[in-house]
Full PDB file with SEQRES, HELIX, SHEET, SSBOND, CRYST1, ORIGX, SCALE, CONECT and MASTER records, all heavy atoms in Angstrom:
SEQRES   1 A   31  ALA ALA ASP PRO SER TYR ARG ALA ASN PRO GLU VAL ILE          
SEQRES   2 A   31  LYS TYR VAL LEU ARG GLY PHE ILE THR THR PRO SER TYR          
SEQRES   3 A   31  ASN GLY ASP LEU ALA                                          
HELIX    1 AA1 PRO A    4  ALA A    8  5                                   5    
HELIX    2 AA2 PRO A   10  THR A   22  1                                  13    
CRYST1    1.000    1.000    1.000  90.00  90.00  90.00 P 1           1          
ORIGX1      1.000000  0.000000  0.000000        0.00000                         
ORIGX2      0.000000  1.000000  0.000000        0.00000                         
ORIGX3      0.000000  0.000000  1.000000        0.00000                         
SCALE1      1.000000  0.000000  0.000000        0.00000                         
SCALE2      0.000000  1.000000  0.000000        0.00000                         
SCALE3      0.000000  0.000000  1.000000        0.00000                         
ATOM      1  N   ALA A   1     -10.223  -2.899 -16.651  1.00  0.00           N  
ATOM      2  CA  ALA A   1      -9.430  -4.070 -16.440  1.00  0.00           C  
ATOM      3  C   ALA A   1      -9.781  -5.088 -17.569  1.00  0.00           C  
ATOM      4  O   ALA A   1      -8.922  -5.877 -18.013  1.00  0.00           O  
ATOM      5  CB  ALA A   1      -9.727  -4.639 -15.014  1.00  0.00           C  
ATOM      6  N   ALA A   2     -11.043  -5.190 -17.921  1.00  0.00           N  
ATOM      7  CA  ALA A   2     -11.474  -6.152 -18.945  1.00  0.00           C  
ATOM      8  C   ALA A   2     -11.205  -5.697 -20.360  1.00  0.00           C  
ATOM      9  O   ALA A   2     -10.918  -6.485 -21.260  1.00  0.00           O  
ATOM     10  CB  ALA A   2     -12.963  -6.451 -18.818  1.00  0.00           C  
ATOM     11  N   ASP A   3     -11.193  -4.356 -20.526  1.00  0.00           N  
ATOM     12  CA  ASP A   3     -10.929  -3.819 -21.880  1.00  0.00           C  
ATOM     13  C   ASP A   3     -10.238  -2.466 -21.699  1.00  0.00           C  
ATOM     14  O   ASP A   3     -10.913  -1.378 -21.446  1.00  0.00           O  
ATOM     15  CB  ASP A   3     -12.209  -3.618 -22.628  1.00  0.00           C  
ATOM     16  CG  ASP A   3     -12.001  -3.099 -24.110  1.00  0.00           C  
ATOM     17  OD1 ASP A   3     -10.862  -2.789 -24.422  1.00  0.00           O  
ATOM     18  OD2 ASP A   3     -13.030  -2.951 -24.771  1.00  0.00           O  
ATOM     19  N   PRO A   4      -8.904  -2.406 -21.771  1.00  0.00           N  
ATOM     20  CA  PRO A   4      -8.177  -1.203 -21.508  1.00  0.00           C  
ATOM     21  C   PRO A   4      -8.546  -0.023 -22.383  1.00  0.00           C  
ATOM     22  O   PRO A   4      -8.248   1.195 -22.050  1.00  0.00           O  
ATOM     23  CB  PRO A   4      -6.719  -1.585 -21.758  1.00  0.00           C  
ATOM     24  CG  PRO A   4      -6.694  -3.049 -21.538  1.00  0.00           C  
ATOM     25  CD  PRO A   4      -7.991  -3.569 -21.965  1.00  0.00           C  
ATOM     26  N   SER A   5      -9.226  -0.216 -23.518  1.00  0.00           N  
ATOM     27  CA  SER A   5      -9.603   0.879 -24.388  1.00  0.00           C  
ATOM     28  C   SER A   5     -10.524   1.796 -23.675  1.00  0.00           C  
ATOM     29  O   SER A   5     -10.700   2.997 -24.053  1.00  0.00           O  
ATOM     30  CB  SER A   5     -10.226   0.293 -25.678  1.00  0.00           C  
ATOM     31  OG  SER A   5     -11.504  -0.295 -25.361  1.00  0.00           O  
ATOM     32  N   TYR A   6     -11.251   1.289 -22.630  1.00  0.00           N  
ATOM     33  CA  TYR A   6     -12.222   2.216 -21.884  1.00  0.00           C  
ATOM     34  C   TYR A   6     -11.425   3.309 -21.143  1.00  0.00           C  
ATOM     35  O   TYR A   6     -12.021   4.293 -20.682  1.00  0.00           O  
ATOM     36  CB  TYR A   6     -13.030   1.401 -20.886  1.00  0.00           C  
ATOM     37  CG  TYR A   6     -14.214   0.727 -21.553  1.00  0.00           C  
ATOM     38  CD1 TYR A   6     -14.263  -0.581 -21.782  1.00  0.00           C  
ATOM     39  CD2 TYR A   6     -15.313   1.577 -21.969  1.00  0.00           C  
ATOM     40  CE1 TYR A   6     -15.434  -1.217 -22.427  1.00  0.00           C  
ATOM     41  CE2 TYR A   6     -16.459   0.964 -22.597  1.00  0.00           C  
ATOM     42  CZ  TYR A   6     -16.460  -0.432 -22.805  1.00  0.00           C  
ATOM     43  OH  TYR A   6     -17.632  -0.982 -23.366  1.00  0.00           O  
ATOM     44  N   ARG A   7     -10.150   3.100 -21.015  1.00  0.00           N  
ATOM     45  CA  ARG A   7      -9.293   4.160 -20.303  1.00  0.00           C  
ATOM     46  C   ARG A   7      -9.394   5.518 -20.965  1.00  0.00           C  
ATOM     47  O   ARG A   7      -9.314   6.557 -20.391  1.00  0.00           O  
ATOM     48  CB  ARG A   7      -7.881   3.682 -20.158  1.00  0.00           C  
ATOM     49  CG  ARG A   7      -6.934   4.632 -19.405  1.00  0.00           C  
ATOM     50  CD  ARG A   7      -5.612   4.030 -19.131  1.00  0.00           C  
ATOM     51  NE  ARG A   7      -5.646   3.094 -18.057  1.00  0.00           N  
ATOM     52  CZ  ARG A   7      -5.508   1.808 -18.105  1.00  0.00           C  
ATOM     53  NH1 ARG A   7      -5.301   1.223 -19.309  1.00  0.00           N  
ATOM     54  NH2 ARG A   7      -5.545   1.008 -17.016  1.00  0.00           N  
ATOM     55  N   ALA A   8      -9.508   5.490 -22.333  1.00  0.00           N  
ATOM     56  CA  ALA A   8      -9.619   6.693 -23.103  1.00  0.00           C  
ATOM     57  C   ALA A   8     -11.002   6.921 -23.619  1.00  0.00           C  
ATOM     58  O   ALA A   8     -11.215   7.808 -24.466  1.00  0.00           O  
ATOM     59  CB  ALA A   8      -8.663   6.647 -24.264  1.00  0.00           C  
ATOM     60  N   ASN A   9     -12.039   6.233 -23.045  1.00  0.00           N  
ATOM     61  CA  ASN A   9     -13.391   6.465 -23.499  1.00  0.00           C  
ATOM     62  C   ASN A   9     -13.878   7.818 -23.028  1.00  0.00           C  
ATOM     63  O   ASN A   9     -13.898   8.098 -21.854  1.00  0.00           O  
ATOM     64  CB  ASN A   9     -14.267   5.334 -22.949  1.00  0.00           C  
ATOM     65  CG  ASN A   9     -15.627   5.340 -23.466  1.00  0.00           C  
ATOM     66  OD1 ASN A   9     -16.415   6.222 -23.104  1.00  0.00           O  
ATOM     67  ND2 ASN A   9     -16.038   4.408 -24.317  1.00  0.00           N  
ATOM     68  N   PRO A  10     -14.386   8.665 -23.936  1.00  0.00           N  
ATOM     69  CA  PRO A  10     -14.780  10.021 -23.527  1.00  0.00           C  
ATOM     70  C   PRO A  10     -15.968   9.965 -22.570  1.00  0.00           C  
ATOM     71  O   PRO A  10     -16.030  10.825 -21.666  1.00  0.00           O  
ATOM     72  CB  PRO A  10     -15.214  10.674 -24.854  1.00  0.00           C  
ATOM     73  CG  PRO A  10     -14.501   9.899 -25.943  1.00  0.00           C  
ATOM     74  CD  PRO A  10     -14.402   8.546 -25.414  1.00  0.00           C  
ATOM     75  N   GLU A  11     -16.849   9.020 -22.687  1.00  0.00           N  
ATOM     76  CA  GLU A  11     -18.002   8.911 -21.763  1.00  0.00           C  
ATOM     77  C   GLU A  11     -17.516   8.642 -20.329  1.00  0.00           C  
ATOM     78  O   GLU A  11     -18.029   9.214 -19.349  1.00  0.00           O  
ATOM     79  CB  GLU A  11     -18.990   7.836 -22.193  1.00  0.00           C  
ATOM     80  CG  GLU A  11     -19.865   8.235 -23.363  1.00  0.00           C  
ATOM     81  CD  GLU A  11     -21.025   7.275 -23.536  1.00  0.00           C  
ATOM     82  OE1 GLU A  11     -20.823   6.236 -24.246  1.00  0.00           O  
ATOM     83  OE2 GLU A  11     -22.118   7.459 -22.925  1.00  0.00           O  
ATOM     84  N   VAL A  12     -16.521   7.784 -20.176  1.00  0.00           N  
ATOM     85  CA  VAL A  12     -16.011   7.440 -18.865  1.00  0.00           C  
ATOM     86  C   VAL A  12     -15.408   8.658 -18.243  1.00  0.00           C  
ATOM     87  O   VAL A  12     -15.673   9.058 -17.107  1.00  0.00           O  
ATOM     88  CB  VAL A  12     -14.969   6.382 -18.914  1.00  0.00           C  
ATOM     89  CG1 VAL A  12     -14.245   6.102 -17.626  1.00  0.00           C  
ATOM     90  CG2 VAL A  12     -15.614   5.000 -19.348  1.00  0.00           C  
ATOM     91  N   ILE A  13     -14.620   9.355 -19.029  1.00  0.00           N  
ATOM     92  CA  ILE A  13     -13.967  10.613 -18.522  1.00  0.00           C  
ATOM     93  C   ILE A  13     -15.023  11.644 -18.209  1.00  0.00           C  
ATOM     94  O   ILE A  13     -14.891  12.329 -17.107  1.00  0.00           O  
ATOM     95  CB  ILE A  13     -12.993  11.133 -19.621  1.00  0.00           C  
ATOM     96  CG1 ILE A  13     -11.880  10.094 -19.899  1.00  0.00           C  
ATOM     97  CG2 ILE A  13     -12.322  12.423 -19.157  1.00  0.00           C  
ATOM     98  CD1 ILE A  13     -11.012  10.482 -21.085  1.00  0.00           C  
ATOM     99  N   LYS A  14     -16.023  11.875 -19.005  1.00  0.00           N  
ATOM    100  CA  LYS A  14     -16.987  12.890 -18.747  1.00  0.00           C  
ATOM    101  C   LYS A  14     -17.821  12.628 -17.503  1.00  0.00           C  
ATOM    102  O   LYS A  14     -18.131  13.533 -16.685  1.00  0.00           O  
ATOM    103  CB  LYS A  14     -17.921  13.043 -19.976  1.00  0.00           C  
ATOM    104  CG  LYS A  14     -17.230  13.747 -21.136  1.00  0.00           C  
ATOM    105  CD  LYS A  14     -18.172  13.864 -22.360  1.00  0.00           C  
ATOM    106  CE  LYS A  14     -17.496  14.479 -23.529  1.00  0.00           C  
ATOM    107  NZ  LYS A  14     -18.398  14.562 -24.696  1.00  0.00           N  
ATOM    108  N   TYR A  15     -18.238  11.283 -17.335  1.00  0.00           N  
ATOM    109  CA  TYR A  15     -19.008  10.914 -16.129  1.00  0.00           C  
ATOM    110  C   TYR A  15     -18.218  11.193 -14.808  1.00  0.00           C  
ATOM    111  O   TYR A  15     -18.662  11.798 -13.892  1.00  0.00           O  
ATOM    112  CB  TYR A  15     -19.391   9.514 -16.195  1.00  0.00           C  
ATOM    113  CG  TYR A  15     -20.725   9.277 -16.918  1.00  0.00           C  
ATOM    114  CD1 TYR A  15     -20.784   8.893 -18.223  1.00  0.00           C  
ATOM    115  CD2 TYR A  15     -21.928   9.384 -16.242  1.00  0.00           C  
ATOM    116  CE1 TYR A  15     -21.988   8.658 -18.856  1.00  0.00           C  
ATOM    117  CE2 TYR A  15     -23.159   9.234 -16.854  1.00  0.00           C  
ATOM    118  CZ  TYR A  15     -23.163   8.865 -18.195  1.00  0.00           C  
ATOM    119  OH  TYR A  15     -24.364   8.606 -18.827  1.00  0.00           O  
ATOM    120  N   VAL A  16     -16.879  10.828 -14.898  1.00  0.00           N  
ATOM    121  CA  VAL A  16     -16.085  10.942 -13.680  1.00  0.00           C  
ATOM    122  C   VAL A  16     -15.820  12.397 -13.395  1.00  0.00           C  
ATOM    123  O   VAL A  16     -15.829  12.935 -12.289  1.00  0.00           O  
ATOM    124  CB  VAL A  16     -14.792  10.180 -13.767  1.00  0.00           C  
ATOM    125  CG1 VAL A  16     -13.940  10.327 -12.520  1.00  0.00           C  
ATOM    126  CG2 VAL A  16     -15.116   8.685 -13.903  1.00  0.00           C  
ATOM    127  N   LEU A  17     -15.524  13.197 -14.502  1.00  0.00           N  
ATOM    128  CA  LEU A  17     -15.185  14.595 -14.363  1.00  0.00           C  
ATOM    129  C   LEU A  17     -16.436  15.372 -13.856  1.00  0.00           C  
ATOM    130  O   LEU A  17     -16.303  16.257 -12.983  1.00  0.00           O  
ATOM    131  CB  LEU A  17     -14.787  15.214 -15.699  1.00  0.00           C  
ATOM    132  CG  LEU A  17     -14.427  16.657 -15.705  1.00  0.00           C  
ATOM    133  CD1 LEU A  17     -13.268  16.927 -14.730  1.00  0.00           C  
ATOM    134  CD2 LEU A  17     -14.050  17.117 -17.126  1.00  0.00           C  
ATOM    135  N   ARG A  18     -17.603  15.013 -14.364  1.00  0.00           N  
ATOM    136  CA  ARG A  18     -18.810  15.660 -13.888  1.00  0.00           C  
ATOM    137  C   ARG A  18     -19.023  15.471 -12.396  1.00  0.00           C  
ATOM    138  O   ARG A  18     -19.374  16.424 -11.667  1.00  0.00           O  
ATOM    139  CB  ARG A  18     -20.028  15.119 -14.614  1.00  0.00           C  
ATOM    140  CG  ARG A  18     -21.291  15.911 -14.358  1.00  0.00           C  
ATOM    141  CD  ARG A  18     -22.464  15.381 -15.163  1.00  0.00           C  
ATOM    142  NE  ARG A  18     -22.233  15.464 -16.566  1.00  0.00           N  
ATOM    143  CZ  ARG A  18     -22.226  14.369 -17.395  1.00  0.00           C  
ATOM    144  NH1 ARG A  18     -22.495  13.211 -16.934  1.00  0.00           N  
ATOM    145  NH2 ARG A  18     -22.008  14.534 -18.679  1.00  0.00           N  
ATOM    146  N   GLY A  19     -18.714  14.281 -11.891  1.00  0.00           N  
ATOM    147  CA  GLY A  19     -18.815  14.048 -10.467  1.00  0.00           C  
ATOM    148  C   GLY A  19     -17.767  14.887  -9.721  1.00  0.00           C  
ATOM    149  O   GLY A  19     -18.072  15.438  -8.696  1.00  0.00           O  
ATOM    150  N   PHE A  20     -16.552  14.900 -10.255  1.00  0.00           N  
ATOM    151  CA  PHE A  20     -15.434  15.532  -9.555  1.00  0.00           C  
ATOM    152  C   PHE A  20     -15.708  17.094  -9.415  1.00  0.00           C  
ATOM    153  O   PHE A  20     -15.450  17.631  -8.406  1.00  0.00           O  
ATOM    154  CB  PHE A  20     -14.186  15.343 -10.393  1.00  0.00           C  
ATOM    155  CG  PHE A  20     -13.034  16.182  -9.862  1.00  0.00           C  
ATOM    156  CD1 PHE A  20     -12.389  15.915  -8.674  1.00  0.00           C  
ATOM    157  CD2 PHE A  20     -12.583  17.259 -10.617  1.00  0.00           C  
ATOM    158  CE1 PHE A  20     -11.349  16.723  -8.203  1.00  0.00           C  
ATOM    159  CE2 PHE A  20     -11.541  18.059 -10.154  1.00  0.00           C  
ATOM    160  CZ  PHE A  20     -10.901  17.782  -8.955  1.00  0.00           C  
ATOM    161  N   ILE A  21     -16.306  17.676 -10.460  1.00  0.00           N  
ATOM    162  CA  ILE A  21     -16.498  19.116 -10.394  1.00  0.00           C  
ATOM    163  C   ILE A  21     -17.782  19.565  -9.690  1.00  0.00           C  
ATOM    164  O   ILE A  21     -17.968  20.757  -9.366  1.00  0.00           O  
ATOM    165  CB  ILE A  21     -16.438  19.785 -11.793  1.00  0.00           C  
ATOM    166  CG1 ILE A  21     -17.589  19.302 -12.619  1.00  0.00           C  
ATOM    167  CG2 ILE A  21     -15.085  19.549 -12.409  1.00  0.00           C  
ATOM    168  CD1 ILE A  21     -17.643  19.938 -14.016  1.00  0.00           C  
ATOM    169  N   THR A  22     -18.695  18.529  -9.407  1.00  0.00           N  
ATOM    170  CA  THR A  22     -20.026  18.920  -8.830  1.00  0.00           C  
ATOM    171  C   THR A  22     -20.165  18.487  -7.373  1.00  0.00           C  
ATOM    172  O   THR A  22     -21.102  18.880  -6.688  1.00  0.00           O  
ATOM    173  CB  THR A  22     -21.144  18.346  -9.620  1.00  0.00           C  
ATOM    174  OG1 THR A  22     -20.995  16.911  -9.689  1.00  0.00           O  
ATOM    175  CG2 THR A  22     -21.177  18.893 -11.049  1.00  0.00           C  
ATOM    176  N   THR A  23     -19.237  17.651  -6.833  1.00  0.00           N  
ATOM    177  CA  THR A  23     -19.406  17.268  -5.449  1.00  0.00           C  
ATOM    178  C   THR A  23     -19.169  18.502  -4.580  1.00  0.00           C  
ATOM    179  O   THR A  23     -18.365  19.410  -4.897  1.00  0.00           O  
ATOM    180  CB  THR A  23     -18.345  16.194  -5.080  1.00  0.00           C  
ATOM    181  OG1 THR A  23     -17.066  16.642  -5.503  1.00  0.00           O  
ATOM    182  CG2 THR A  23     -18.670  14.900  -5.748  1.00  0.00           C  
ATOM    183  N   PRO A  24     -19.909  18.526  -3.411  1.00  0.00           N  
ATOM    184  CA  PRO A  24     -19.839  19.675  -2.591  1.00  0.00           C  
ATOM    185  C   PRO A  24     -18.394  20.033  -2.068  1.00  0.00           C  
ATOM    186  O   PRO A  24     -18.045  21.206  -1.944  1.00  0.00           O  
ATOM    187  CB  PRO A  24     -20.732  19.349  -1.375  1.00  0.00           C  
ATOM    188  CG  PRO A  24     -21.702  18.293  -1.888  1.00  0.00           C  
ATOM    189  CD  PRO A  24     -20.918  17.571  -2.871  1.00  0.00           C  
ATOM    190  N   SER A  25     -17.611  18.994  -1.902  1.00  0.00           N  
ATOM    191  CA  SER A  25     -16.233  19.158  -1.462  1.00  0.00           C  
ATOM    192  C   SER A  25     -15.333  18.347  -2.349  1.00  0.00           C  
ATOM    193  O   SER A  25     -15.774  17.483  -3.102  1.00  0.00           O  
ATOM    194  CB  SER A  25     -16.048  18.853  -0.004  1.00  0.00           C  
ATOM    195  OG  SER A  25     -16.420  17.536   0.267  1.00  0.00           O  
ATOM    196  N   TYR A  26     -14.077  18.593  -2.246  1.00  0.00           N  
ATOM    197  CA  TYR A  26     -13.081  17.831  -3.048  1.00  0.00           C  
ATOM    198  C   TYR A  26     -13.097  16.312  -2.780  1.00  0.00           C  
ATOM    199  O   TYR A  26     -13.111  15.915  -1.711  1.00  0.00           O  
ATOM    200  CB  TYR A  26     -11.687  18.310  -2.787  1.00  0.00           C  
ATOM    201  CG  TYR A  26     -10.595  17.744  -3.585  1.00  0.00           C  
ATOM    202  CD1 TYR A  26     -10.245  18.246  -4.852  1.00  0.00           C  
ATOM    203  CD2 TYR A  26      -9.809  16.677  -3.112  1.00  0.00           C  
ATOM    204  CE1 TYR A  26      -9.211  17.702  -5.587  1.00  0.00           C  
ATOM    205  CE2 TYR A  26      -8.838  16.082  -3.884  1.00  0.00           C  
ATOM    206  CZ  TYR A  26      -8.542  16.597  -5.097  1.00  0.00           C  
ATOM    207  OH  TYR A  26      -7.516  16.052  -5.840  1.00  0.00           O  
ATOM    208  N   ASN A  27     -13.324  15.554  -3.879  1.00  0.00           N  
ATOM    209  CA  ASN A  27     -13.389  14.095  -3.750  1.00  0.00           C  
ATOM    210  C   ASN A  27     -12.131  13.489  -4.268  1.00  0.00           C  
ATOM    211  O   ASN A  27     -11.854  13.462  -5.451  1.00  0.00           O  
ATOM    212  CB  ASN A  27     -14.634  13.559  -4.533  1.00  0.00           C  
ATOM    213  CG  ASN A  27     -14.860  12.111  -4.263  1.00  0.00           C  
ATOM    214  OD1 ASN A  27     -13.992  11.267  -4.463  1.00  0.00           O  
ATOM    215  ND2 ASN A  27     -16.101  11.807  -3.851  1.00  0.00           N  
ATOM    216  N   GLY A  28     -11.313  13.068  -3.306  1.00  0.00           N  
ATOM    217  CA  GLY A  28      -9.999  12.415  -3.683  1.00  0.00           C  
ATOM    218  C   GLY A  28     -10.062  11.208  -4.515  1.00  0.00           C  
ATOM    219  O   GLY A  28      -9.212  10.938  -5.378  1.00  0.00           O  
ATOM    220  N   ASP A  29     -11.124  10.352  -4.333  1.00  0.00           N  
ATOM    221  CA  ASP A  29     -11.213   9.144  -5.114  1.00  0.00           C  
ATOM    222  C   ASP A  29     -11.509   9.473  -6.579  1.00  0.00           C  
ATOM    223  O   ASP A  29     -10.932   8.807  -7.450  1.00  0.00           O  
ATOM    224  CB  ASP A  29     -12.454   8.269  -4.578  1.00  0.00           C  
ATOM    225  CG  ASP A  29     -12.090   7.686  -3.209  1.00  0.00           C  
ATOM    226  OD1 ASP A  29     -10.925   7.601  -2.899  1.00  0.00           O  
ATOM    227  OD2 ASP A  29     -13.102   7.423  -2.479  1.00  0.00           O  
ATOM    228  N   LEU A  30     -12.377  10.432  -6.841  1.00  0.00           N  
ATOM    229  CA  LEU A  30     -12.671  10.822  -8.257  1.00  0.00           C  
ATOM    230  C   LEU A  30     -11.436  11.455  -8.896  1.00  0.00           C  
ATOM    231  O   LEU A  30     -11.140  11.165 -10.043  1.00  0.00           O  
ATOM    232  CB  LEU A  30     -13.839  11.817  -8.278  1.00  0.00           C  
ATOM    233  CG  LEU A  30     -15.196  11.239  -7.867  1.00  0.00           C  
ATOM    234  CD1 LEU A  30     -16.259  12.369  -7.732  1.00  0.00           C  
ATOM    235  CD2 LEU A  30     -15.678  10.165  -8.799  1.00  0.00           C  
ATOM    236  N   ALA A  31     -10.769  12.308  -8.123  1.00  0.00           N  
ATOM    237  CA  ALA A  31      -9.533  12.947  -8.650  1.00  0.00           C  
ATOM    238  C   ALA A  31      -8.464  11.898  -8.948  1.00  0.00           C  
ATOM    239  O   ALA A  31      -7.786  11.996  -9.981  1.00  0.00           O  
ATOM    240  CB  ALA A  31      -9.060  13.989  -7.647  1.00  0.00           C  
TER     241      ALA A  31                                                      
MASTER        0    0    0    2    0    0    0    6  240    1    0    3          
END                                                                             
């Protein structure tokens, strides 16, 4: 919200994706 360029930041994507693929069950918020 403060800096839209973070929307395409690889670190942001990787952190969220790592959480999405490692949670014990499907996490709708991360997805």
